[in-house]
Amino acid sequence: MTLKDLGLALAGADPTGLTRTLSEQWFQGETPQRVLVDGHAVPSSADWLDRHAHASDSVAAFFGPGIGRGLVLHVGRLVKATFDFDGGPEQLVETLSRYPFDIASFRSRHREWQVNWNYMGPGFGGAHYPHGWACAFRGQGHRRLVSRRWLETGPWRLHHGPDDTTLVQFHELGLDASAALEMARSGHQRMGHSDEGGFLHEPYVYRNEIKGFYDADRRVLKVVVLGRTVSSVEMRDACAARRDNVLAPEQPLDAIAFVFLDPDEARAHLPRLWPYGLECWTIIDGRETRLDTDDPPEAVGGHT
């Protein structure tokens, strides 16, 4: 299998270094036919990256006619690459594991999504591609999710590679544009920053106040709930608060526990809280009792 015209965007601690690595592997010392610096054409040269990366917001190099093969560095943010890849998702996740990236987005393989149906999927924001056929995480990039459990409960297929690399495939590659979009749409929503999404932007913008009772022994914030439904956005806010340790410096935060005074409300929320990695407690016989475990509740779906 060959992934023709593969388009991906990789973000990590050193986008310029990523660009150099991609250039060396996929363009093997070629001198680009065209170089653009901040959108303006400049003379092409073999040292295009060294010459322009530190004095611009973006630098693009194209190694053939048009923009079919090339690299676009958004300085300090990410690098986009377009090339032909000889292999499928299983081989691609192995290759990605060698690159020092955190998160990756992949361009849609169907122009019809936007041209015919004006579909622009949610995504990671910034200069990333809107979600197409896949996205990927490596190492600390998984912290951009509400929880690693999120990966195990979505409408997608997972491919795992070395060095803690995860490729999330939203649709089968052999489908036509309409069928691919139908298969991918719900996964796009769950992996984006929609109200039902599990991706955490940086910096994160909270929509709810983070408050509760702090348990210093367990380093847990307890949020008491009675007579209401905890929204998906509130759960996502809680995950961001846990990740970013938003309480006072003397209150380190390892977990957030939702404590339901009504056991029925607790049991109803358990399948919803579990993918976020949030604790679910209730009061049974006058004692606080934890309902969640490491195993998913029966009502939680798995990935394809």
C-alpha atoms as a PDB file:
ATOM      1  CA  MET A   1       0.000   0.000   0.000  1.00  0.00           C
ATOM      2  CA  THR A   2       1.175   3.519  -0.766  1.00  0.00           C
ATOM      3  CA  LEU A   3      -0.213   6.637   0.910  1.00  0.00           C
ATOM      4  CA  LYS A   4       0.088   8.999  -2.027  1.00  0.00           C
ATOM      5  CA  ASP A   5       0.386  12.704  -1.324  1.00  0.00           C
ATOM      6  CA  LEU A   6       0.455  12.160   2.444  1.00  0.00           C
ATOM      7  CA  GLY A   7       0.003  15.481   4.240  1.00  0.00           C
ATOM      8  CA  LEU A   8       0.793  15.750   7.941  1.00  0.00           C
ATOM      9  CA  ALA A   9       1.629  18.414  10.499  1.00  0.00           C
ATOM     10  CA  LEU A  10       3.967  17.631  13.393  1.00  0.00           C
ATOM     11  CA  ALA A  11       4.274  19.750  16.532  1.00  0.00           C
ATOM     12  CA  GLY A  12       6.967  19.305  19.139  1.00  0.00           C
ATOM     13  CA  ALA A  13       9.567  21.087  21.219  1.00  0.00           C
ATOM     14  CA  ASP A  14      11.833  21.782  18.215  1.00  0.00           C
ATOM     15  CA  PRO A  15       9.895  22.293  14.963  1.00  0.00           C
ATOM     16  CA  THR A  16      13.020  23.448  13.133  1.00  0.00           C
ATOM     17  CA  GLY A  17      14.838  20.258  14.106  1.00  0.00           C
ATOM     18  CA  LEU A  18      11.818  18.247  12.991  1.00  0.00           C
ATOM     19  CA  THR A  19      11.943  20.021   9.634  1.00  0.00           C
ATOM     20  CA  ARG A  20      15.597  19.125   9.240  1.00  0.00           C
ATOM     21  CA  THR A  21      14.912  15.472  10.065  1.00  0.00           C
ATOM     22  CA  LEU A  22      12.045  15.258   7.582  1.00  0.00           C
ATOM     23  CA  SER A  23      14.085  16.992   4.898  1.00  0.00           C
ATOM     24  CA  GLU A  24      16.973  14.569   5.327  1.00  0.00           C
ATOM     25  CA  GLN A  25      14.732  11.490   5.242  1.00  0.00           C
ATOM     26  CA  TRP A  26      12.174  12.343   2.572  1.00  0.00           C
ATOM     27  CA  PHE A  27      14.023  14.772   0.308  1.00  0.00           C
ATOM     28  CA  GLN A  28      17.569  13.414   0.797  1.00  0.00           C
ATOM     29  CA  GLY A  29      19.563  16.552   0.194  1.00  0.00           C
ATOM     30  CA  GLU A  30      17.525  17.765  -2.767  1.00  0.00           C
ATOM     31  CA  THR A  31      17.651  21.462  -3.487  1.00  0.00           C
ATOM     32  CA  PRO A  32      14.073  22.757  -3.557  1.00  0.00           C
ATOM     33  CA  GLN A  33      12.671  24.149  -6.779  1.00  0.00           C
ATOM     34  CA  ARG A  34      10.877  26.926  -4.897  1.00  0.00           C
ATOM     35  CA  VAL A  35      11.354  28.574  -1.508  1.00  0.00           C
ATOM     36  CA  LEU A  36       8.871  30.958   0.096  1.00  0.00           C
ATOM     37  CA  VAL A  37       9.656  33.061   3.155  1.00  0.00           C
ATOM     38  CA  ASP A  38       6.583  34.531   4.823  1.00  0.00           C
ATOM     39  CA  GLY A  39       4.756  33.912   1.560  1.00  0.00           C
ATOM     40  CA  HIS A  40       7.293  35.650  -0.659  1.00  0.00           C
ATOM     41  CA  ALA A  41       9.495  33.851  -3.184  1.00  0.00           C
ATOM     42  CA  VAL A  42      13.239  33.942  -2.523  1.00  0.00           C
ATOM     43  CA  PRO A  43      16.159  32.339  -4.399  1.00  0.00           C
ATOM     44  CA  SER A  44      16.328  28.600  -3.827  1.00  0.00           C
ATOM     45  CA  SER A  45      19.387  27.104  -2.177  1.00  0.00           C
ATOM     46  CA  ALA A  46      20.514  23.861  -0.584  1.00  0.00           C
ATOM     47  CA  ASP A  47      20.839  25.624   2.786  1.00  0.00           C
ATOM     48  CA  TRP A  48      17.309  27.110   2.658  1.00  0.00           C
ATOM     49  CA  LEU A  49      16.455  26.021   6.196  1.00  0.00           C
ATOM     50  CA  ASP A  50      19.590  27.389   7.869  1.00  0.00           C
ATOM     51  CA  ARG A  51      19.326  30.582   5.879  1.00  0.00           C
ATOM     52  CA  HIS A  52      15.715  31.462   6.630  1.00  0.00           C
ATOM     53  CA  ALA A  53      14.348  29.564   9.650  1.00  0.00           C
ATOM     54  CA  HIS A  54      15.517  32.060  12.255  1.00  0.00           C
ATOM     55  CA  ALA A  55      14.484  35.238  10.475  1.00  0.00           C
ATOM     56  CA  SER A  56      10.901  34.535   9.487  1.00  0.00           C
ATOM     57  CA  ASP A  57       7.487  33.364  10.695  1.00  0.00           C
ATOM     58  CA  SER A  58       7.238  30.688   8.017  1.00  0.00           C
ATOM     59  CA  VAL A  59       9.502  29.153   5.422  1.00  0.00           C
ATOM     60  CA  ALA A  60       8.343  26.714   2.753  1.00  0.00           C
ATOM     61  CA  ALA A  61      10.349  24.540   0.398  1.00  0.00           C
ATOM     62  CA  PHE A  62       8.829  22.627  -2.541  1.00  0.00           C
ATOM     63  CA  PHE A  63      10.765  19.848  -4.242  1.00  0.00           C
ATOM     64  CA  GLY A  64       8.794  19.449  -7.420  1.00  0.00           C
ATOM     65  CA  PRO A  65       6.318  21.242  -9.652  1.00  0.00           C
ATOM     66  CA  GLY A  66       3.506  22.819  -7.674  1.00  0.00           C
ATOM     67  CA  ILE A  67       3.171  22.067  -3.970  1.00  0.00           C
ATOM     68  CA  GLY A  68       2.857  18.278  -4.122  1.00  0.00           C
ATOM     69  CA  ARG A  69       6.140  17.504  -2.338  1.00  0.00           C
ATOM     70  CA  GLY A  70       7.399  19.892   0.271  1.00  0.00           C
ATOM     71  CA  LEU A  71       7.870  21.212   3.764  1.00  0.00           C
ATOM     72  CA  VAL A  72       6.326  24.239   5.443  1.00  0.00           C
ATOM     73  CA  LEU A  73       7.847  25.319   8.750  1.00  0.00           C
ATOM     74  CA  HIS A  74       5.725  27.545  10.972  1.00  0.00           C
ATOM     75  CA  VAL A  75       8.617  28.737  13.108  1.00  0.00           C
ATOM     76  CA  GLY A  76       8.242  27.862  16.776  1.00  0.00           C
ATOM     77  CA  ARG A  77       4.966  25.995  16.206  1.00  0.00           C
ATOM     78  CA  LEU A  78       5.013  23.046  13.805  1.00  0.00           C
ATOM     79  CA  VAL A  79       6.099  21.701  10.434  1.00  0.00           C
ATOM     80  CA  LYS A  80       3.861  20.469   7.628  1.00  0.00           C
ATOM     81  CA  ALA A  81       5.170  17.851   5.222  1.00  0.00           C
ATOM     82  CA  THR A  82       3.793  16.378   2.005  1.00  0.00           C
ATOM     83  CA  PHE A  83       5.315  13.283   0.383  1.00  0.00           C
ATOM     84  CA  ASP A  84       4.441   9.769  -0.801  1.00  0.00           C
ATOM     85  CA  PHE A  85       4.657   7.101   1.897  1.00  0.00           C
ATOM     86  CA  ASP A  86       5.220   3.481   0.918  1.00  0.00           C
ATOM     87  CA  GLY A  87       3.113   1.632   3.464  1.00  0.00           C
ATOM     88  CA  GLY A  88      -0.105   1.737   5.441  1.00  0.00           C
ATOM     89  CA  PRO A  89      -1.032   2.924   8.942  1.00  0.00           C
ATOM     90  CA  GLU A  90       0.876   0.085  10.627  1.00  0.00           C
ATOM     91  CA  GLN A  91       4.104   1.104   8.903  1.00  0.00           C
ATOM     92  CA  LEU A  92       3.417   4.807   9.324  1.00  0.00           C
ATOM     93  CA  VAL A  93       3.154   4.630  13.127  1.00  0.00           C
ATOM     94  CA  GLU A  94       6.526   2.860  13.188  1.00  0.00           C
ATOM     95  CA  THR A  95       8.054   5.664  11.135  1.00  0.00           C
ATOM     96  CA  LEU A  96       6.429   8.404  13.208  1.00  0.00           C
ATOM     97  CA  SER A  97       7.874   6.924  16.400  1.00  0.00           C
ATOM     98  CA  ARG A  98      11.354   7.985  15.246  1.00  0.00           C
ATOM     99  CA  TYR A  99      10.448  11.675  15.164  1.00  0.00           C
ATOM    100  CA  PRO A 100      10.563  13.896  18.279  1.00  0.00           C
ATOM    101  CA  PHE A 101       6.985  15.186  17.952  1.00  0.00           C
ATOM    102  CA  ASP A 102       4.171  15.506  20.483  1.00  0.00           C
ATOM    103  CA  ILE A 103       1.009  15.677  18.376  1.00  0.00           C
ATOM    104  CA  ALA A 104       0.338  15.270  14.659  1.00  0.00           C
ATOM    105  CA  SER A 105      -2.603  16.058  12.398  1.00  0.00           C
ATOM    106  CA  PHE A 106      -3.258  14.586   8.955  1.00  0.00           C
ATOM    107  CA  ARG A 107      -4.846  16.283   5.976  1.00  0.00           C
ATOM    108  CA  SER A 108      -8.035  14.793   4.575  1.00  0.00           C
ATOM    109  CA  ARG A 109      -7.503  12.451   1.642  1.00  0.00           C
ATOM    110  CA  HIS A 110     -10.774  13.635   0.068  1.00  0.00           C
ATOM    111  CA  ARG A 111     -10.991  17.154  -1.364  1.00  0.00           C
ATOM    112  CA  GLU A 112     -14.730  16.585  -1.747  1.00  0.00           C
ATOM    113  CA  TRP A 113     -15.191  17.042   2.001  1.00  0.00           C
ATOM    114  CA  GLN A 114     -14.604  20.756   1.667  1.00  0.00           C
ATOM    115  CA  VAL A 115     -15.288  21.384  -2.015  1.00  0.00           C
ATOM    116  CA  ASN A 116     -18.609  19.521  -2.288  1.00  0.00           C
ATOM    117  CA  TRP A 117     -19.932  19.585   1.263  1.00  0.00           C
ATOM    118  CA  ASN A 118     -18.112  22.536   2.854  1.00  0.00           C
ATOM    119  CA  TYR A 119     -16.959  20.260   5.671  1.00  0.00           C
ATOM    120  CA  MET A 120     -14.110  21.574   7.792  1.00  0.00           C
ATOM    121  CA  GLY A 121     -13.618  19.207  10.684  1.00  0.00           C
ATOM    122  CA  PRO A 122     -12.583  20.196  14.187  1.00  0.00           C
ATOM    123  CA  GLY A 123      -8.969  19.661  15.099  1.00  0.00           C
ATOM    124  CA  PHE A 124      -6.045  20.739  17.236  1.00  0.00           C
ATOM    125  CA  GLY A 125      -6.206  24.397  16.190  1.00  0.00           C
ATOM    126  CA  GLY A 126      -3.378  26.725  15.292  1.00  0.00           C
ATOM    127  CA  ALA A 127      -1.625  25.824  12.053  1.00  0.00           C
ATOM    128  CA  HIS A 128      -2.665  22.168  12.275  1.00  0.00           C
ATOM    129  CA  TYR A 129      -4.807  20.533   9.620  1.00  0.00           C
ATOM    130  CA  PRO A 130      -8.482  20.060  10.464  1.00  0.00           C
ATOM    131  CA  HIS A 131      -8.950  16.371  11.234  1.00  0.00           C
ATOM    132  CA  GLY A 132      -8.782  14.187   8.158  1.00  0.00           C
ATOM    133  CA  TRP A 133      -8.149  10.459   8.137  1.00  0.00           C
ATOM    134  CA  ALA A 134      -5.948  10.295  11.262  1.00  0.00           C
ATOM    135  CA  CYS A 135      -4.086  12.057  14.054  1.00  0.00           C
ATOM    136  CA  ALA A 136      -1.223  10.930  16.287  1.00  0.00           C
ATOM    137  CA  PHE A 137       0.328  11.383  19.717  1.00  0.00           C
ATOM    138  CA  ARG A 138       3.768  10.590  21.096  1.00  0.00           C
ATOM    139  CA  GLY A 139       5.017  10.595  24.674  1.00  0.00           C
ATOM    140  CA  GLN A 140       4.043  13.783  26.490  1.00  0.00           C
ATOM    141  CA  GLY A 141       1.709  14.625  23.627  1.00  0.00           C
ATOM    142  CA  HIS A 142      -0.798  12.271  25.234  1.00  0.00           C
ATOM    143  CA  ARG A 143      -1.177  14.905  27.966  1.00  0.00           C
ATOM    144  CA  ARG A 144      -3.088  16.992  25.442  1.00  0.00           C
ATOM    145  CA  LEU A 145      -5.959  14.519  25.949  1.00  0.00           C
ATOM    146  CA  VAL A 146      -8.332  14.536  28.896  1.00  0.00           C
ATOM    147  CA  SER A 147      -7.005  11.070  29.725  1.00  0.00           C
ATOM    148  CA  ARG A 148      -5.267   8.196  28.002  1.00  0.00           C
ATOM    149  CA  ARG A 149      -8.520   6.331  28.546  1.00  0.00           C
ATOM    150  CA  TRP A 150     -10.022   8.596  25.889  1.00  0.00           C
ATOM    151  CA  LEU A 151      -8.111   6.675  23.248  1.00  0.00           C
ATOM    152  CA  GLU A 152      -9.727   3.410  24.297  1.00  0.00           C
ATOM    153  CA  THR A 153     -13.317   4.623  24.046  1.00  0.00           C
ATOM    154  CA  GLY A 154     -13.636   6.376  20.691  1.00  0.00           C
ATOM    155  CA  PRO A 155     -15.066   5.503  17.278  1.00  0.00           C
ATOM    156  CA  TRP A 156     -11.677   4.970  15.667  1.00  0.00           C
ATOM    157  CA  ARG A 157      -8.964   2.399  15.111  1.00  0.00           C
ATOM    158  CA  LEU A 158      -5.743   2.588  17.131  1.00  0.00           C
ATOM    159  CA  HIS A 159      -2.266   1.725  15.911  1.00  0.00           C
ATOM    160  CA  HIS A 160       0.507   1.592  18.524  1.00  0.00           C
ATOM    161  CA  GLY A 161       4.181   2.077  17.728  1.00  0.00           C
ATOM    162  CA  PRO A 162       7.477   2.232  19.622  1.00  0.00           C
ATOM    163  CA  ASP A 163       8.394   5.080  21.960  1.00  0.00           C
ATOM    164  CA  ASP A 164       4.816   5.538  23.185  1.00  0.00           C
ATOM    165  CA  THR A 165       3.422   6.481  19.774  1.00  0.00           C
ATOM    166  CA  THR A 166      -0.296   6.233  18.974  1.00  0.00           C
ATOM    167  CA  LEU A 167      -1.905   6.686  15.558  1.00  0.00           C
ATOM    168  CA  VAL A 168      -5.677   7.282  15.647  1.00  0.00           C
ATOM    169  CA  GLN A 169      -7.345   6.297  12.362  1.00  0.00           C
ATOM    170  CA  PHE A 170     -10.764   7.882  11.802  1.00  0.00           C
ATOM    171  CA  HIS A 171     -11.875   5.966   8.715  1.00  0.00           C
ATOM    172  CA  GLU A 172     -10.875   3.087   6.471  1.00  0.00           C
ATOM    173  CA  LEU A 173      -8.626   4.243   3.653  1.00  0.00           C
ATOM    174  CA  GLY A 174     -10.432   2.409   0.861  1.00  0.00           C
ATOM    175  CA  LEU A 175     -13.745   4.242   1.289  1.00  0.00           C
ATOM    176  CA  ASP A 176     -15.097   6.845  -1.098  1.00  0.00           C
ATOM    177  CA  ALA A 177     -15.387  10.441   0.106  1.00  0.00           C
ATOM    178  CA  SER A 178     -18.983  10.194   1.324  1.00  0.00           C
ATOM    179  CA  ALA A 179     -18.536   6.926   3.211  1.00  0.00           C
ATOM    180  CA  ALA A 180     -15.222   8.110   4.686  1.00  0.00           C
ATOM    181  CA  LEU A 181     -16.803  11.276   6.023  1.00  0.00           C
ATOM    182  CA  GLU A 182     -19.746   9.387   7.476  1.00  0.00           C
ATOM    183  CA  MET A 183     -17.345   7.067   9.290  1.00  0.00           C
ATOM    184  CA  ALA A 184     -14.984   9.823  10.480  1.00  0.00           C
ATOM    185  CA  ARG A 185     -17.343  12.582  11.557  1.00  0.00           C
ATOM    186  CA  SER A 186     -18.125  11.378  15.087  1.00  0.00           C
ATOM    187  CA  GLY A 187     -14.463  10.607  15.769  1.00  0.00           C
ATOM    188  CA  HIS A 188     -13.515  14.098  14.614  1.00  0.00           C
ATOM    189  CA  GLN A 189     -15.917  15.573  17.158  1.00  0.00           C
ATOM    190  CA  ARG A 190     -14.612  13.438  20.014  1.00  0.00           C
ATOM    191  CA  MET A 191     -10.987  14.210  19.165  1.00  0.00           C
ATOM    192  CA  GLY A 192     -11.506  17.939  18.678  1.00  0.00           C
ATOM    193  CA  HIS A 193     -12.380  20.852  20.933  1.00  0.00           C
ATOM    194  CA  SER A 194     -16.132  20.469  20.519  1.00  0.00           C
ATOM    195  CA  ASP A 195     -18.273  20.252  23.646  1.00  0.00           C
ATOM    196  CA  GLU A 196     -17.958  16.457  23.412  1.00  0.00           C
ATOM    197  CA  GLY A 197     -14.271  16.531  22.537  1.00  0.00           C
ATOM    198  CA  GLY A 198     -11.382  15.264  24.625  1.00  0.00           C
ATOM    199  CA  PHE A 199      -8.524  17.413  23.319  1.00  0.00           C
ATOM    200  CA  LEU A 200      -7.062  20.097  25.597  1.00  0.00           C
ATOM    201  CA  HIS A 201      -5.827  23.272  23.952  1.00  0.00           C
ATOM    202  CA  GLU A 202      -2.800  25.104  25.337  1.00  0.00           C
ATOM    203  CA  PRO A 203      -3.363  27.493  26.934  1.00  0.00           C
ATOM    204  CA  TYR A 204      -6.634  26.006  28.041  1.00  0.00           C
ATOM    205  CA  VAL A 205      -9.666  28.304  28.364  1.00  0.00           C
ATOM    206  CA  TYR A 206     -11.901  27.233  31.250  1.00  0.00           C
ATOM    207  CA  ARG A 207     -15.666  27.564  30.971  1.00  0.00           C
ATOM    208  CA  ASN A 208     -16.428  26.562  34.559  1.00  0.00           C
ATOM    209  CA  GLU A 209     -14.994  27.597  37.905  1.00  0.00           C
ATOM    210  CA  ILE A 210     -12.825  24.903  39.450  1.00  0.00           C
ATOM    211  CA  LYS A 211     -13.932  24.555  43.052  1.00  0.00           C
ATOM    212  CA  GLY A 212     -14.493  21.857  45.647  1.00  0.00           C
ATOM    213  CA  PHE A 213     -13.022  20.419  48.834  1.00  0.00           C
ATOM    214  CA  TYR A 214      -9.302  19.685  48.794  1.00  0.00           C
ATOM    215  CA  ASP A 215      -8.148  16.409  50.349  1.00  0.00           C
ATOM    216  CA  ALA A 216      -4.488  17.025  51.194  1.00  0.00           C
ATOM    217  CA  ASP A 217      -3.816  13.383  52.139  1.00  0.00           C
ATOM    218  CA  ARG A 218      -4.799  12.099  48.704  1.00  0.00           C
ATOM    219  CA  ARG A 219      -4.049  15.325  46.790  1.00  0.00           C
ATOM    220  CA  VAL A 220      -7.567  15.168  45.391  1.00  0.00           C
ATOM    221  CA  LEU A 221     -10.181  17.855  44.730  1.00  0.00           C
ATOM    222  CA  LYS A 222     -13.668  16.624  45.665  1.00  0.00           C
ATOM    223  CA  VAL A 223     -16.624  18.087  43.776  1.00  0.00           C
ATOM    224  CA  VAL A 224     -19.968  17.352  45.463  1.00  0.00           C
ATOM    225  CA  VAL A 225     -22.923  16.801  43.127  1.00  0.00           C
ATOM    226  CA  LEU A 226     -26.637  16.523  43.865  1.00  0.00           C
ATOM    227  CA  GLY A 227     -29.615  16.836  41.550  1.00  0.00           C
ATOM    228  CA  ARG A 228     -27.781  17.868  38.404  1.00  0.00           C
ATOM    229  CA  THR A 229     -26.010  16.400  35.383  1.00  0.00           C
ATOM    230  CA  VAL A 230     -22.282  17.006  35.092  1.00  0.00           C
ATOM    231  CA  SER A 231     -21.706  18.296  31.558  1.00  0.00           C
ATOM    232  CA  SER A 232     -18.973  17.092  29.215  1.00  0.00           C
ATOM    233  CA  VAL A 233     -17.423  20.564  29.285  1.00  0.00           C
ATOM    234  CA  GLU A 234     -17.254  20.511  33.093  1.00  0.00           C
ATOM    235  CA  MET A 235     -15.516  17.144  32.950  1.00  0.00           C
ATOM    236  CA  ARG A 236     -13.045  18.434  30.357  1.00  0.00           C
ATOM    237  CA  ASP A 237     -12.376  21.508  32.514  1.00  0.00           C
ATOM    238  CA  ALA A 238     -11.664  19.198  35.446  1.00  0.00           C
ATOM    239  CA  CYS A 239      -9.150  17.246  33.373  1.00  0.00           C
ATOM    240  CA  ALA A 240      -7.369  20.436  32.336  1.00  0.00           C
ATOM    241  CA  ALA A 241      -7.268  21.568  35.966  1.00  0.00           C
ATOM    242  CA  ARG A 242      -5.742  18.255  36.998  1.00  0.00           C
ATOM    243  CA  ARG A 243      -3.155  18.399  34.228  1.00  0.00           C
ATOM    244  CA  ASP A 244      -2.236  22.042  34.844  1.00  0.00           C
ATOM    245  CA  ASN A 245      -2.352  21.780  38.645  1.00  0.00           C
ATOM    246  CA  VAL A 246      -4.465  24.943  38.860  1.00  0.00           C
ATOM    247  CA  LEU A 247      -4.862  25.054  42.639  1.00  0.00           C
ATOM    248  CA  ALA A 248      -2.460  26.902  44.925  1.00  0.00           C
ATOM    249  CA  PRO A 249       1.187  25.749  44.835  1.00  0.00           C
ATOM    250  CA  GLU A 250       0.737  24.197  48.276  1.00  0.00           C
ATOM    251  CA  GLN A 251      -2.174  22.124  46.940  1.00  0.00           C
ATOM    252  CA  PRO A 252      -0.726  19.685  44.395  1.00  0.00           C
ATOM    253  CA  LEU A 253      -3.460  17.953  42.424  1.00  0.00           C
ATOM    254  CA  ASP A 254      -3.260  14.298  41.404  1.00  0.00           C
ATOM    255  CA  ALA A 255      -6.937  13.589  40.815  1.00  0.00           C
ATOM    256  CA  ILE A 256     -10.439  15.061  40.787  1.00  0.00           C
ATOM    257  CA  ALA A 257     -13.303  13.143  42.363  1.00  0.00           C
ATOM    258  CA  PHE A 258     -16.984  13.776  41.715  1.00  0.00           C
ATOM    259  CA  VAL A 259     -18.915  12.794  44.851  1.00  0.00           C
ATOM    260  CA  PHE A 260     -22.619  12.130  44.216  1.00  0.00           C
ATOM    261  CA  LEU A 261     -24.875  12.216  47.251  1.00  0.00           C
ATOM    262  CA  ASP A 262     -27.430  10.138  45.319  1.00  0.00           C
ATOM    263  CA  PRO A 263     -26.081   6.649  44.416  1.00  0.00           C
ATOM    264  CA  ASP A 264     -28.338   6.451  41.352  1.00  0.00           C
ATOM    265  CA  GLU A 265     -26.869   9.684  40.005  1.00  0.00           C
ATOM    266  CA  ALA A 266     -23.384   8.308  40.635  1.00  0.00           C
ATOM    267  CA  ARG A 267     -24.073   5.085  38.726  1.00  0.00           C
ATOM    268  CA  ALA A 268     -25.586   7.036  35.841  1.00  0.00           C
ATOM    269  CA  HIS A 269     -22.480   9.243  35.610  1.00  0.00           C
ATOM    270  CA  LEU A 270     -19.903   6.465  35.987  1.00  0.00           C
ATOM    271  CA  PRO A 271     -19.705   5.520  32.264  1.00  0.00           C
ATOM    272  CA  ARG A 272     -19.362   9.196  31.345  1.00  0.00           C
ATOM    273  CA  LEU A 273     -16.675  10.026  33.923  1.00  0.00           C
ATOM    274  CA  TRP A 274     -14.523   6.967  33.245  1.00  0.00           C
ATOM    275  CA  PRO A 275     -13.097   8.010  29.824  1.00  0.00           C
ATOM    276  CA  TYR A 276     -11.977  11.306  31.379  1.00  0.00           C
ATOM    277  CA  GLY A 277     -10.052   9.519  34.118  1.00  0.00           C
ATOM    278  CA  LEU A 278     -12.175  11.228  36.796  1.00  0.00           C
ATOM    279  CA  GLU A 279     -13.071   9.474  40.033  1.00  0.00           C
ATOM    280  CA  CYS A 280     -16.714   8.628  40.756  1.00  0.00           C
ATOM    281  CA  TRP A 281     -17.812   8.390  44.414  1.00  0.00           C
ATOM    282  CA  THR A 282     -21.116   8.157  46.247  1.00  0.00           C
ATOM    283  CA  ILE A 283     -22.487   7.686  49.764  1.00  0.00           C
ATOM    284  CA  ILE A 284     -23.457   4.134  50.700  1.00  0.00           C
ATOM    285  CA  ASP A 285     -24.467   3.286  54.290  1.00  0.00           C
ATOM    286  CA  GLY A 286     -23.160   6.656  55.370  1.00  0.00           C
ATOM    287  CA  ARG A 287     -19.684   6.138  53.925  1.00  0.00           C
ATOM    288  CA  GLU A 288     -17.965   7.562  50.880  1.00  0.00           C
ATOM    289  CA  THR A 289     -17.606   4.708  48.396  1.00  0.00           C
ATOM    290  CA  ARG A 290     -15.657   4.748  45.171  1.00  0.00           C
ATOM    291  CA  LEU A 291     -17.369   3.200  42.137  1.00  0.00           C
ATOM    292  CA  ASP A 292     -14.772   3.533  39.365  1.00  0.00           C
ATOM    293  CA  THR A 293     -11.962   1.041  38.815  1.00  0.00           C
ATOM    294  CA  ASP A 294      -9.223   0.647  36.216  1.00  0.00           C
ATOM    295  CA  ASP A 295     -11.598  -1.474  34.142  1.00  0.00           C
ATOM    296  CA  PRO A 296     -14.170   0.346  31.988  1.00  0.00           C
ATOM    297  CA  PRO A 297     -17.819   0.118  33.041  1.00  0.00           C
ATOM    298  CA  GLU A 298     -19.974  -2.042  30.796  1.00  0.00           C
ATOM    299  CA  ALA A 299     -21.681   0.992  29.245  1.00  0.00           C
ATOM    300  CA  VAL A 300     -18.381   2.404  27.971  1.00  0.00           C
ATOM    301  CA  GLY A 301     -17.740   1.556  24.323  1.00  0.00           C
ATOM    302  CA  GLY A 302     -14.389   0.625  22.894  1.00  0.00           C
ATOM    303  CA  HIS A 303     -12.475   1.624  19.786  1.00  0.00           C
ATOM    304  CA  THR A 304     -12.853  -0.244  16.509  1.00  0.00           C
END
